[in-house]
N, C-alpha and C. Protein backbone atom coordinates (compact mmCIF):
# COMPACT_ATOMS: atom_id res chain seq x y z
N UNK A 1 -31.54 -5.88 -3.11
CA UNK A 1 -30.36 -5.23 -3.11
C UNK A 1 -30.57 -3.64 -3.01
N UNK A 2 -29.69 -3.03 -2.17
CA UNK A 2 -29.80 -1.47 -2.06
C UNK A 2 -28.69 -0.78 -2.49
N UNK A 3 -28.63 0.38 -2.26
CA UNK A 3 -27.55 1.33 -2.92
C UNK A 3 -26.07 0.93 -2.23
N UNK A 4 -26.29 0.42 -1.10
CA UNK A 4 -24.92 0.14 -0.36
C UNK A 4 -24.37 -1.30 -0.87
N UNK A 5 -25.06 -1.97 -1.77
CA UNK A 5 -24.45 -3.35 -2.14
C UNK A 5 -24.28 -3.47 -3.62
N UNK A 6 -23.32 -4.28 -3.89
CA UNK A 6 -22.94 -4.58 -5.28
C UNK A 6 -22.63 -6.09 -5.36
N UNK A 7 -23.12 -6.72 -6.49
CA UNK A 7 -22.81 -8.13 -6.53
C UNK A 7 -21.86 -8.29 -7.82
N UNK A 8 -20.92 -9.08 -7.74
CA UNK A 8 -19.99 -9.31 -8.58
C UNK A 8 -19.90 -10.71 -9.28
N UNK A 9 -19.64 -10.76 -10.39
CA UNK A 9 -19.50 -12.12 -10.99
C UNK A 9 -18.04 -12.31 -11.20
N UNK A 10 -17.57 -13.49 -11.72
CA UNK A 10 -16.04 -13.71 -11.99
C UNK A 10 -15.56 -14.71 -11.07
N UNK A 11 -14.39 -14.53 -10.57
CA UNK A 11 -13.69 -15.54 -9.72
C UNK A 11 -14.52 -15.91 -8.51
N UNK A 12 -15.22 -14.97 -7.83
CA UNK A 12 -15.94 -15.32 -6.86
C UNK A 12 -17.51 -15.07 -7.27
N UNK A 13 -18.27 -16.10 -7.24
CA UNK A 13 -19.70 -15.94 -7.60
C UNK A 13 -20.36 -15.44 -6.41
N UNK A 14 -21.40 -14.66 -6.82
CA UNK A 14 -22.32 -14.19 -5.69
C UNK A 14 -21.78 -13.42 -4.59
N UNK A 15 -20.54 -12.72 -4.94
CA UNK A 15 -19.72 -11.87 -3.91
C UNK A 15 -20.53 -10.62 -3.94
N UNK A 16 -20.95 -10.18 -2.55
CA UNK A 16 -21.54 -8.85 -2.30
C UNK A 16 -20.70 -8.07 -1.52
N UNK A 17 -20.69 -6.83 -1.88
CA UNK A 17 -19.90 -5.85 -1.20
C UNK A 17 -20.85 -4.79 -0.52
N UNK A 18 -20.80 -4.66 0.72
CA UNK A 18 -21.83 -3.83 1.38
C UNK A 18 -21.10 -2.75 2.39
N UNK A 19 -21.71 -1.59 2.51
CA UNK A 19 -21.30 -0.67 3.57
C UNK A 19 -21.84 -1.17 4.87
N UNK A 20 -20.98 -1.41 5.84
CA UNK A 20 -21.38 -1.95 7.11
C UNK A 20 -22.39 -1.05 7.79
N UNK A 21 -23.27 -1.64 8.51
CA UNK A 21 -24.20 -0.91 9.40
C UNK A 21 -23.70 -1.30 10.82
N UNK A 22 -23.02 -0.28 11.52
CA UNK A 22 -22.58 -0.42 12.86
C UNK A 22 -23.49 -1.00 13.82
N UNK A 23 -24.77 -0.94 13.54
CA UNK A 23 -25.78 -1.31 14.48
C UNK A 23 -26.30 -2.57 14.23
N UNK A 24 -26.05 -3.17 13.00
CA UNK A 24 -26.53 -4.56 12.56
C UNK A 24 -25.66 -5.62 13.32
N UNK A 25 -26.34 -6.55 14.09
CA UNK A 25 -25.70 -7.60 14.84
C UNK A 25 -24.69 -8.41 14.04
N UNK A 26 -25.17 -8.77 12.86
CA UNK A 26 -24.41 -9.56 11.98
C UNK A 26 -23.09 -8.88 11.44
N UNK A 27 -23.27 -7.63 11.07
CA UNK A 27 -22.16 -6.83 10.45
C UNK A 27 -21.28 -6.63 11.72
N UNK A 28 -21.68 -6.37 12.80
CA UNK A 28 -20.84 -6.06 14.01
C UNK A 28 -19.92 -7.38 14.21
N UNK A 29 -20.60 -8.39 14.29
CA UNK A 29 -19.88 -9.79 14.65
C UNK A 29 -18.79 -9.97 13.50
N UNK A 30 -19.23 -9.97 12.24
CA UNK A 30 -18.41 -10.10 11.09
C UNK A 30 -17.21 -9.14 11.13
N UNK A 31 -17.44 -7.90 11.26
CA UNK A 31 -16.35 -6.77 11.41
C UNK A 31 -15.43 -7.15 12.48
N UNK A 32 -15.75 -7.43 13.59
CA UNK A 32 -14.81 -7.84 14.72
C UNK A 32 -14.12 -9.18 14.40
N UNK A 33 -14.82 -10.11 13.85
CA UNK A 33 -14.05 -11.40 13.49
C UNK A 33 -13.03 -11.22 12.54
N UNK A 34 -13.34 -10.46 11.41
CA UNK A 34 -12.28 -10.05 10.48
C UNK A 34 -11.19 -9.20 11.05
N UNK A 35 -11.38 -8.38 11.82
CA UNK A 35 -10.35 -7.56 12.31
C UNK A 35 -9.51 -8.32 13.34
N UNK A 36 -10.09 -9.18 14.02
CA UNK A 36 -9.40 -10.03 14.96
C UNK A 36 -8.46 -10.96 14.05
N UNK A 37 -8.93 -11.55 12.97
CA UNK A 37 -8.22 -12.34 12.02
C UNK A 37 -6.92 -11.53 11.60
N UNK A 38 -7.18 -10.22 11.23
CA UNK A 38 -6.07 -9.40 10.66
C UNK A 38 -5.20 -9.09 11.83
N UNK A 39 -5.59 -8.78 12.94
CA UNK A 39 -4.77 -8.45 14.05
C UNK A 39 -3.75 -9.61 14.47
N UNK A 40 -4.39 -10.86 14.27
CA UNK A 40 -3.50 -11.89 14.62
C UNK A 40 -2.40 -12.26 13.57
N UNK A 41 -2.66 -11.91 12.35
CA UNK A 41 -1.73 -11.99 11.20
C UNK A 41 -0.46 -11.12 11.43
N UNK A 42 0.73 -11.64 11.03
CA UNK A 42 1.87 -10.85 11.35
C UNK A 42 1.85 -9.40 10.77
N UNK A 43 1.24 -9.35 9.59
CA UNK A 43 0.99 -7.91 8.96
C UNK A 43 0.08 -7.12 9.80
N UNK A 44 -0.77 -7.68 10.60
CA UNK A 44 -1.64 -6.81 11.52
C UNK A 44 -0.98 -6.74 13.02
N UNK A 45 0.12 -7.10 13.29
CA UNK A 45 0.82 -7.06 14.44
C UNK A 45 0.97 -8.27 15.15
N UNK A 46 0.20 -9.32 14.74
CA UNK A 46 0.54 -10.81 15.31
C UNK A 46 -0.12 -10.98 16.72
N UNK A 47 -0.92 -10.08 17.28
CA UNK A 47 -1.60 -10.11 18.64
C UNK A 47 -3.05 -10.00 18.50
N UNK A 48 -3.89 -10.54 19.42
CA UNK A 48 -5.20 -10.35 19.33
C UNK A 48 -5.54 -8.83 19.60
N UNK A 49 -6.72 -8.45 19.22
CA UNK A 49 -7.35 -7.06 19.51
C UNK A 49 -7.43 -7.08 21.12
N UNK A 50 -6.98 -5.82 21.54
CA UNK A 50 -7.24 -5.54 22.93
C UNK A 50 -8.71 -5.85 23.35
N UNK A 51 -8.83 -6.08 24.60
CA UNK A 51 -10.20 -6.32 25.02
C UNK A 51 -11.13 -5.11 24.88
N UNK A 52 -10.53 -3.91 25.16
CA UNK A 52 -11.32 -2.75 25.05
C UNK A 52 -11.89 -2.63 23.55
N UNK A 53 -11.03 -2.88 22.70
CA UNK A 53 -11.53 -2.93 21.17
C UNK A 53 -12.66 -3.85 20.99
N UNK A 54 -12.54 -5.05 21.46
CA UNK A 54 -13.58 -6.14 21.33
C UNK A 54 -14.91 -5.62 21.91
N UNK A 55 -14.79 -4.91 22.96
CA UNK A 55 -16.00 -4.53 23.73
C UNK A 55 -16.60 -3.16 23.12
N UNK A 56 -15.67 -2.27 22.70
CA UNK A 56 -16.20 -0.95 22.35
C UNK A 56 -15.99 -0.43 21.00
N UNK A 57 -15.36 -1.05 20.17
CA UNK A 57 -14.89 -0.65 18.86
C UNK A 57 -16.08 -0.28 17.89
N UNK A 58 -17.06 -1.03 17.81
CA UNK A 58 -18.18 -0.80 16.97
C UNK A 58 -19.04 0.48 17.48
N UNK A 59 -19.20 0.64 18.70
CA UNK A 59 -19.99 1.85 19.17
C UNK A 59 -19.10 2.99 18.95
N UNK A 60 -17.83 2.87 19.10
CA UNK A 60 -16.94 4.04 18.89
C UNK A 60 -16.84 4.33 17.33
N UNK A 61 -16.84 3.42 16.43
CA UNK A 61 -16.86 3.58 15.08
C UNK A 61 -18.07 4.27 14.73
N UNK A 62 -19.20 3.84 15.14
CA UNK A 62 -20.65 4.29 14.86
C UNK A 62 -20.69 5.88 15.29
N UNK A 63 -20.05 6.06 16.35
CA UNK A 63 -20.04 7.54 16.92
C UNK A 63 -19.04 8.54 16.26
N UNK A 64 -18.07 7.96 15.52
CA UNK A 64 -16.91 8.77 14.98
C UNK A 64 -17.38 9.31 13.56
N UNK A 65 -17.40 10.57 13.60
CA UNK A 65 -17.86 11.23 12.19
C UNK A 65 -16.92 10.89 11.08
N UNK A 66 -17.56 10.45 9.99
CA UNK A 66 -16.68 10.08 8.79
C UNK A 66 -16.14 8.64 8.80
N UNK A 67 -16.40 7.96 9.64
CA UNK A 67 -15.98 6.44 9.70
C UNK A 67 -16.94 5.65 8.84
N UNK A 68 -16.41 4.71 8.06
CA UNK A 68 -17.27 3.75 7.20
C UNK A 68 -16.52 2.51 7.13
N UNK A 69 -17.20 1.46 6.96
CA UNK A 69 -16.46 0.16 6.72
C UNK A 69 -17.16 -0.61 5.46
N UNK A 70 -16.51 -1.28 4.80
CA UNK A 70 -16.92 -2.15 3.66
C UNK A 70 -16.83 -3.46 3.98
N UNK A 71 -17.70 -4.28 3.79
CA UNK A 71 -17.62 -5.72 4.01
C UNK A 71 -17.83 -6.60 2.77
N UNK A 72 -17.08 -7.65 2.63
CA UNK A 72 -17.39 -8.46 1.55
C UNK A 72 -17.98 -9.77 1.84
N UNK A 73 -18.95 -10.31 1.38
CA UNK A 73 -19.60 -11.56 1.57
C UNK A 73 -19.79 -12.48 0.36
N UNK A 74 -19.73 -13.79 0.64
CA UNK A 74 -20.12 -14.79 -0.36
C UNK A 74 -20.98 -15.73 0.45
N UNK A 75 -22.15 -15.98 0.11
CA UNK A 75 -23.10 -17.01 0.60
C UNK A 75 -23.15 -16.74 2.08
N UNK A 76 -23.34 -15.48 2.55
CA UNK A 76 -23.47 -14.98 3.90
C UNK A 76 -22.23 -15.15 4.74
N UNK A 77 -21.08 -15.61 4.14
CA UNK A 77 -19.90 -15.68 4.82
C UNK A 77 -19.01 -14.38 4.58
N UNK A 78 -18.56 -13.77 5.63
CA UNK A 78 -17.74 -12.46 5.56
C UNK A 78 -16.32 -12.86 5.00
N UNK A 79 -15.88 -12.28 4.06
CA UNK A 79 -14.53 -12.63 3.52
C UNK A 79 -13.52 -11.50 3.50
N UNK A 80 -14.09 -10.25 3.56
CA UNK A 80 -13.20 -9.06 3.55
C UNK A 80 -13.70 -7.86 4.27
N UNK A 81 -12.84 -6.95 4.72
CA UNK A 81 -13.21 -5.74 5.34
C UNK A 81 -12.15 -4.68 5.06
N UNK A 82 -12.80 -3.43 4.89
CA UNK A 82 -11.99 -2.20 4.80
C UNK A 82 -12.54 -1.21 5.73
N UNK A 83 -11.77 -0.71 6.61
CA UNK A 83 -12.13 0.45 7.47
C UNK A 83 -11.67 1.66 6.80
N UNK A 84 -12.56 2.68 6.78
CA UNK A 84 -12.16 3.94 6.17
C UNK A 84 -12.62 5.16 7.11
N UNK A 85 -11.76 6.29 6.87
CA UNK A 85 -12.10 7.49 7.60
C UNK A 85 -11.94 8.68 6.74
N UNK A 86 -12.85 9.51 6.87
CA UNK A 86 -12.79 10.84 6.06
C UNK A 86 -11.73 11.65 6.57
N UNK A 87 -10.97 12.41 5.68
CA UNK A 87 -10.16 13.45 6.08
C UNK A 87 -10.17 14.47 5.16
N UNK A 88 -9.19 15.40 5.12
CA UNK A 88 -9.25 16.62 4.31
C UNK A 88 -7.85 16.86 3.73
N UNK A 89 -7.80 17.19 2.49
CA UNK A 89 -6.55 17.70 1.79
C UNK A 89 -6.60 19.16 1.82
N UNK A 90 -5.54 19.76 2.45
CA UNK A 90 -5.40 21.20 2.43
C UNK A 90 -4.86 21.89 1.19
N UNK A 91 -4.22 20.87 0.44
CA UNK A 91 -3.47 21.41 -0.84
C UNK A 91 -4.59 21.35 -1.91
N UNK A 92 -5.68 20.38 -1.74
CA UNK A 92 -6.66 20.37 -2.91
C UNK A 92 -7.93 20.97 -2.41
N UNK A 93 -8.07 21.31 -1.13
CA UNK A 93 -9.23 21.86 -0.54
C UNK A 93 -10.54 21.02 -0.61
N UNK A 94 -10.35 19.80 -0.51
CA UNK A 94 -11.48 18.75 -0.55
C UNK A 94 -11.17 17.76 0.46
N UNK A 95 -12.30 16.93 0.67
CA UNK A 95 -12.25 15.88 1.42
C UNK A 95 -11.60 14.69 0.77
N UNK A 96 -11.06 13.75 1.66
CA UNK A 96 -10.25 12.57 1.07
C UNK A 96 -10.75 11.30 2.01
N UNK A 97 -10.56 10.17 1.54
CA UNK A 97 -10.92 8.88 2.32
C UNK A 97 -9.48 8.30 2.55
N UNK A 98 -9.37 7.95 3.89
CA UNK A 98 -8.08 7.28 4.30
C UNK A 98 -8.58 5.71 4.57
N UNK A 99 -7.93 4.96 3.80
CA UNK A 99 -8.28 3.46 4.08
C UNK A 99 -7.31 3.08 5.39
N UNK A 100 -7.83 2.58 6.43
CA UNK A 100 -7.03 2.38 7.59
C UNK A 100 -6.74 0.90 7.72
N UNK A 101 -7.69 0.12 7.55
CA UNK A 101 -7.41 -1.40 7.62
C UNK A 101 -8.10 -2.05 6.39
N UNK A 102 -7.22 -3.14 5.89
CA UNK A 102 -7.59 -3.85 4.82
C UNK A 102 -7.46 -5.32 5.09
N UNK A 103 -8.38 -6.10 5.10
CA UNK A 103 -8.07 -7.63 5.29
C UNK A 103 -9.08 -8.37 4.53
N UNK A 104 -8.49 -9.55 3.92
CA UNK A 104 -9.25 -10.60 3.24
C UNK A 104 -8.97 -11.88 3.83
N UNK A 105 -9.92 -12.52 4.16
CA UNK A 105 -9.53 -13.98 4.82
C UNK A 105 -8.75 -14.77 3.94
N UNK A 106 -7.78 -15.48 4.63
CA UNK A 106 -6.91 -16.22 3.90
C UNK A 106 -7.37 -17.14 2.76
N UNK A 107 -8.40 -17.81 2.96
CA UNK A 107 -9.02 -18.70 1.97
C UNK A 107 -9.51 -17.94 0.74
N UNK A 108 -9.70 -16.58 0.79
CA UNK A 108 -10.28 -15.84 -0.18
C UNK A 108 -9.21 -14.93 -0.98
N UNK A 109 -8.02 -15.06 -0.45
CA UNK A 109 -7.05 -14.13 -1.06
C UNK A 109 -6.70 -14.58 -2.48
N UNK A 110 -6.42 -13.64 -3.35
CA UNK A 110 -6.06 -13.82 -4.79
C UNK A 110 -7.31 -13.93 -5.62
N UNK A 111 -8.51 -13.71 -5.00
CA UNK A 111 -9.74 -13.98 -5.73
C UNK A 111 -10.45 -12.72 -6.22
N UNK A 112 -9.87 -11.54 -5.87
CA UNK A 112 -10.35 -10.28 -6.39
C UNK A 112 -11.23 -9.54 -5.33
N UNK A 113 -11.36 -10.13 -4.09
CA UNK A 113 -12.17 -9.44 -3.10
C UNK A 113 -11.65 -7.90 -2.81
N UNK A 114 -10.40 -7.92 -2.70
CA UNK A 114 -9.78 -6.47 -2.34
C UNK A 114 -10.15 -5.56 -3.43
N UNK A 115 -10.00 -5.94 -4.69
CA UNK A 115 -10.38 -5.07 -5.79
C UNK A 115 -11.79 -4.61 -5.72
N UNK A 116 -12.71 -5.54 -5.39
CA UNK A 116 -14.13 -5.18 -5.37
C UNK A 116 -14.36 -4.27 -4.27
N UNK A 117 -13.80 -4.59 -3.05
CA UNK A 117 -14.09 -3.60 -1.92
C UNK A 117 -13.56 -2.24 -2.29
N UNK A 118 -12.44 -2.18 -2.93
CA UNK A 118 -11.68 -0.89 -3.16
C UNK A 118 -12.61 -0.18 -4.18
N UNK A 119 -13.38 -0.83 -5.14
CA UNK A 119 -14.26 -0.22 -6.00
C UNK A 119 -15.25 0.42 -5.42
N UNK A 120 -15.84 -0.24 -4.13
CA UNK A 120 -16.83 0.31 -3.41
C UNK A 120 -16.37 1.63 -2.67
N UNK A 121 -15.12 1.52 -2.14
CA UNK A 121 -14.52 2.71 -1.42
C UNK A 121 -14.44 3.89 -2.45
N UNK A 122 -14.00 3.56 -3.60
CA UNK A 122 -14.11 4.62 -4.80
C UNK A 122 -15.41 5.20 -4.96
N UNK A 123 -16.32 4.37 -5.06
CA UNK A 123 -17.83 4.91 -5.23
C UNK A 123 -18.20 5.80 -4.08
N UNK A 124 -17.88 5.38 -3.01
CA UNK A 124 -18.26 6.39 -1.54
C UNK A 124 -17.44 7.62 -1.90
N UNK A 125 -16.14 7.47 -2.21
CA UNK A 125 -15.29 8.65 -2.24
C UNK A 125 -15.86 9.85 -3.29
N UNK A 126 -16.33 9.18 -4.38
CA UNK A 126 -16.92 9.99 -5.39
C UNK A 126 -18.11 10.65 -5.06
N UNK A 127 -19.01 9.93 -4.25
CA UNK A 127 -20.23 10.38 -3.85
C UNK A 127 -20.03 11.56 -2.97
N UNK A 128 -18.95 11.56 -2.17
CA UNK A 128 -18.59 12.52 -1.12
C UNK A 128 -17.63 13.51 -1.66
N UNK A 129 -17.48 13.63 -2.96
CA UNK A 129 -16.72 14.64 -3.62
C UNK A 129 -15.19 14.69 -3.09
N UNK A 130 -14.70 13.51 -3.01
CA UNK A 130 -13.26 13.42 -2.38
C UNK A 130 -12.33 13.67 -3.58
N UNK A 131 -11.08 14.12 -3.16
CA UNK A 131 -9.99 14.19 -4.18
C UNK A 131 -9.11 13.01 -4.37
N UNK A 132 -9.03 12.23 -3.23
CA UNK A 132 -8.15 11.09 -3.43
C UNK A 132 -8.51 10.18 -2.29
N UNK A 133 -7.94 8.97 -2.38
CA UNK A 133 -7.99 7.85 -1.36
C UNK A 133 -6.53 7.55 -0.95
N UNK A 134 -6.25 7.38 0.37
CA UNK A 134 -4.93 7.25 0.85
C UNK A 134 -4.98 5.90 1.52
N UNK A 135 -3.87 5.47 1.78
CA UNK A 135 -3.61 4.18 2.63
C UNK A 135 -2.18 3.92 2.89
N UNK A 136 -1.93 3.19 3.97
CA UNK A 136 -0.59 2.79 4.35
C UNK A 136 -0.37 1.24 4.07
N UNK A 137 0.81 0.92 3.74
CA UNK A 137 1.14 -0.61 3.68
C UNK A 137 2.55 -0.72 4.07
N UNK A 138 2.76 -1.93 4.65
CA UNK A 138 4.17 -2.25 5.15
C UNK A 138 5.05 -2.50 3.96
N UNK A 139 6.22 -2.04 4.10
CA UNK A 139 7.19 -2.16 3.06
C UNK A 139 7.44 -3.60 2.47
N UNK A 140 7.27 -4.59 3.45
CA UNK A 140 7.58 -6.01 2.94
C UNK A 140 6.28 -6.78 2.65
N UNK A 141 5.09 -6.13 2.78
CA UNK A 141 3.93 -6.87 2.52
C UNK A 141 3.65 -6.77 0.88
N UNK A 142 4.47 -7.69 0.27
CA UNK A 142 4.40 -7.64 -1.06
C UNK A 142 3.13 -8.02 -1.72
N UNK A 143 2.37 -8.94 -1.12
CA UNK A 143 1.00 -9.35 -1.80
C UNK A 143 0.06 -8.03 -1.61
N UNK A 144 0.06 -7.35 -0.55
CA UNK A 144 -0.74 -6.23 -0.39
C UNK A 144 -0.32 -5.11 -1.38
N UNK A 145 0.85 -4.94 -1.56
CA UNK A 145 1.41 -3.87 -2.29
C UNK A 145 1.02 -4.07 -3.79
N UNK A 146 1.06 -5.48 -4.19
CA UNK A 146 0.66 -5.76 -5.63
C UNK A 146 -0.85 -5.53 -5.72
N UNK A 147 -1.49 -5.91 -4.74
CA UNK A 147 -2.89 -5.66 -4.91
C UNK A 147 -3.37 -4.19 -4.96
N UNK A 148 -2.71 -3.36 -4.12
CA UNK A 148 -2.97 -1.98 -4.18
C UNK A 148 -2.66 -1.38 -5.43
N UNK A 149 -1.48 -1.90 -5.97
CA UNK A 149 -0.98 -1.19 -7.35
C UNK A 149 -2.02 -1.57 -8.42
N UNK A 150 -2.49 -2.84 -8.29
CA UNK A 150 -3.50 -3.22 -9.21
C UNK A 150 -4.75 -2.32 -9.14
N UNK A 151 -4.97 -1.84 -8.05
CA UNK A 151 -6.17 -0.95 -7.87
C UNK A 151 -5.95 0.61 -8.14
N UNK A 152 -4.70 0.80 -8.67
CA UNK A 152 -4.37 2.14 -8.92
C UNK A 152 -3.65 2.88 -7.96
N UNK A 153 -3.22 2.42 -6.89
CA UNK A 153 -2.52 3.07 -5.96
C UNK A 153 -1.02 3.11 -6.23
N UNK A 154 -0.31 4.22 -5.70
CA UNK A 154 1.22 4.23 -5.93
C UNK A 154 1.70 4.97 -4.73
N UNK A 155 3.06 4.81 -4.58
CA UNK A 155 3.67 5.60 -3.40
C UNK A 155 3.43 7.03 -3.67
N UNK A 156 3.46 7.74 -2.53
CA UNK A 156 3.07 9.19 -2.59
C UNK A 156 4.44 10.04 -2.40
N UNK A 157 4.50 11.01 -3.37
CA UNK A 157 5.83 11.92 -3.27
C UNK A 157 5.25 13.29 -3.93
N UNK A 158 5.45 14.33 -3.21
CA UNK A 158 5.12 15.62 -3.78
C UNK A 158 6.29 16.10 -4.79
N UNK A 159 7.37 15.87 -4.61
CA UNK A 159 8.49 16.10 -5.33
C UNK A 159 9.55 14.90 -5.29
N UNK A 160 9.86 14.31 -6.51
CA UNK A 160 10.76 13.08 -6.54
C UNK A 160 12.07 13.39 -5.93
N UNK A 161 12.46 14.71 -5.96
CA UNK A 161 13.75 15.05 -5.46
C UNK A 161 13.84 14.79 -3.85
N UNK A 162 12.63 14.97 -3.12
CA UNK A 162 12.55 14.69 -1.88
C UNK A 162 12.20 13.40 -1.50
N UNK A 163 11.87 12.41 -2.31
CA UNK A 163 11.52 11.18 -2.06
C UNK A 163 10.14 10.84 -1.68
N UNK A 164 9.87 9.63 -1.39
CA UNK A 164 8.48 9.33 -1.08
C UNK A 164 8.02 9.54 0.37
N UNK A 165 6.73 9.89 0.58
CA UNK A 165 6.26 10.13 2.01
C UNK A 165 6.47 8.77 2.81
N UNK A 166 6.71 8.99 4.02
CA UNK A 166 6.73 7.81 5.06
C UNK A 166 5.60 8.09 6.04
N UNK A 167 5.12 7.03 6.54
CA UNK A 167 4.03 7.21 7.52
C UNK A 167 4.68 6.92 8.93
N UNK A 168 4.59 7.97 9.84
CA UNK A 168 5.24 7.89 11.13
C UNK A 168 4.07 7.96 12.03
N UNK A 169 4.41 7.57 13.41
CA UNK A 169 3.52 7.60 14.41
C UNK A 169 4.29 8.00 15.80
N UNK A 170 3.44 8.58 16.72
CA UNK A 170 3.93 8.76 18.09
C UNK A 170 2.73 8.36 18.95
N UNK A 171 2.87 7.29 19.71
CA UNK A 171 1.88 6.88 20.85
C UNK A 171 1.69 7.91 21.91
N UNK A 172 0.43 8.13 22.21
CA UNK A 172 0.18 9.08 23.36
C UNK A 172 -0.40 8.24 24.46
């Protein structure tokens, strides 16, 4: 075991959490398979990953500064994935980690995989002197919201008078 691995006991025996190596053929295959499973889920959009993503995603992640991914394994089988990107908080003048994708295979949900992957993200964030970890979650994805709250996340608001922040987008 190296620095990028942790083995957990408890509900999932022999669970290992690793920082993905974007050049490792097994990590590449597992990351794409888990992301495809997530994309096909209604909470991931319900459609397959575009062909360009299937062809180029891993190389682009490897080349993107501040990208890192966490994979969860049990007995060599990939069970979970968290894709993260470094950002910066201007109000705290420190880096942050944004969790962009979170998925746990359906058969492994409710077993603590997400919690263990998030613990690894926290470890990486602390090593990089980050001030916080951010993520987005769909309003009606109640299982994910419960898992994230269990891991210490809560809705973001600078001032309660102005309400919670919302995640918006504009396609280009």
